[in-house]
């Protein structure tokens, strides 16, 4: 009995130490640097479209009920990159979006860092060494946590007013590129070399657009979103709907515990695709 208690106590202490190390690693910084950014977390899981969509590519009553989902809101989304995907190759993505019922365009500039073996702190420290630290309140850090991998995303959002109001139309490719260049942040503009990002963006084209649908709901005390992205299929002859469920939280443990619970629940219902998927990459590869 004493042996079992000692073993259990040792296991508990080890687990506590591991959590402490993981959490502490997120704020480690090199000598002379500002502290690392503090990320929020977004759990993203793929759903099997053949199980959760009906013949009209709308969510079925079962999933609408399970997550208390509201009526969908639409958004028109496109990405900009060179023909050789030079921005993406350097970890940058540039997105242009118009949401339903909004009177502005949304411009997003995002830098991505791969997270290896769950070491969030290492990715944050690398980002810090490249200019993204806790003093930069223009950018937001987020850990995108999928089925099998994590990615650190550091993004900057800007808006441009439009008279379209609720309409979903997008400007011409040339006009959109001009708006993105006008709002181009300094970090991307001079990434690696003076005017590198500006030169790349001047030579970009549109990838997309895709008209997305977003349903808002709740699960386990958390706000959840279910999005449908009707992306061109690999053959280029039809549409392959990508369906994703997600939730956000500022707390690592909340993200971890509820991610596991959501995976188990979706798997039990036969709705889960046990794989990672990146909407951005599919659009860059297929348009």
Foldseek 3Di string as FASTA:
>chain_A
DVVVVVVVVVVVVVVVVVVVVLVVLQFDEDPPFATFAQAWEKEKFWWDQVPQADPVSHGDPVVCVQFVWDFKWKKKKKWKFALVRPQVVQQWTWMWMDTAQAQKIKIKIKGKDWDPPSRNSVRRRVVRVLPHHHVPPQWHWYWYHYLPGIMIMIMGMDIDGHPPRRDRDDDDFVVVLVVCLVPPDPCQCQPVHHRPNVVRSVNIGIQDTWMKIKIWGHDPHFIKIKMWTQAQDPVNPGTDIIIMMMTIGSDPVVCVVVSVVVVVVCVVVVTGDSDDDDPVVRSSNRD
